[in-house]
Protein backbone atom coordinates (compact mmCIF):
# COMPACT_ATOMS: atom_id res chain seq x y z
CA MET A 1 101.31 100.96 84.06
CA ILE A 2 102.32 102.63 87.30
CA ASN A 3 104.82 101.00 89.63
CA ILE A 4 104.09 101.63 93.30
CA PRO A 5 107.06 100.86 95.52
CA LEU A 6 105.95 98.97 98.63
CA SER A 7 108.14 101.23 100.76
CA ALA A 8 106.06 104.20 99.56
CA LEU A 9 102.76 102.72 100.80
CA ARG A 10 101.30 103.22 104.25
CA CYS A 11 98.01 101.59 105.08
CA ILE A 12 95.91 103.96 107.15
CA LEU A 13 92.48 102.34 107.34
CA SER A 14 90.85 98.98 106.77
CA TYR A 15 87.23 98.03 106.12
CA PRO A 16 87.15 94.22 106.51
CA LYS A 17 83.38 94.10 106.00
CA ASP A 18 83.73 95.77 102.58
CA ASN A 19 87.09 94.09 101.77
CA LYS A 20 88.74 97.48 101.28
CA ILE A 21 91.86 99.19 102.54
CA ILE A 22 92.91 102.82 102.28
CA CYS A 23 96.59 103.58 101.73
CA GLU A 24 98.72 106.70 101.45
CA ILE A 25 101.35 106.79 98.71
CA ASP A 26 104.48 108.92 98.99
CA ILE A 27 104.40 111.08 95.84
CA SER A 28 108.17 111.66 95.64
CA SER A 29 108.83 107.89 95.71
CA LEU A 30 106.12 107.39 93.10
CA LYS A 31 107.75 109.96 90.81
CA LEU A 32 111.20 108.40 91.24
CA GLU A 33 109.87 104.96 90.38
CA ASN A 34 107.85 106.12 87.36
CA SER A 35 109.94 108.36 85.18
CA PRO A 36 108.52 108.85 81.66
CA GLU A 37 109.64 106.10 79.28
CA THR A 38 108.80 104.71 75.90
CA LEU A 39 106.85 101.47 75.66
CA ASP A 40 109.98 99.63 74.46
CA GLU A 41 111.92 100.76 77.54
CA ILE A 42 109.11 99.67 79.85
CA ILE A 43 108.90 96.21 78.27
CA ASN A 44 112.67 95.79 78.33
CA ASP A 45 112.86 96.80 82.02
CA ALA A 46 110.04 94.40 82.88
CA ARG A 47 111.82 91.53 81.11
CA ILE A 48 115.06 92.27 82.95
CA ASP A 49 113.29 92.48 86.33
CA TYR A 50 111.50 89.19 85.65
CA ALA A 51 114.72 87.46 84.59
CA LEU A 52 116.54 88.71 87.70
CA GLY A 53 113.67 87.80 89.99
CA ASN A 54 113.11 91.43 91.05
CA TYR A 55 109.41 91.09 91.70
CA LYS A 56 106.98 89.73 94.26
CA SER A 57 103.98 87.62 93.48
CA PHE A 58 101.01 86.83 95.66
CA THR A 59 98.61 83.92 95.43
CA ASN A 60 95.83 85.64 97.33
CA ALA A 61 94.70 89.03 98.56
CA LYS A 62 95.48 88.22 102.21
CA SER A 63 99.19 87.80 101.52
CA LEU A 64 99.28 91.02 99.47
CA ILE A 65 97.56 92.94 102.28
CA ALA A 66 99.95 91.43 104.84
CA GLU A 67 102.91 92.62 102.75
CA LEU A 68 101.42 96.11 102.43
CA ARG A 69 100.91 96.31 106.18
CA SER A 70 104.45 95.20 107.03
């Protein structure tokens, strides 16, 4: 699993007809967010984040795209 920080994304193009968007991802932010870990560490971090509410959920693609564009 790769975590992509929303602050590292920049939407550059949208194709509404094809339901596609093209985004740039800042590589340095991606590397900071995704340091190599063991599976146990990843699962433990995910459980902690979930328990603390450190996540965003979306009920549809429109709200996800709106968040990416903001």
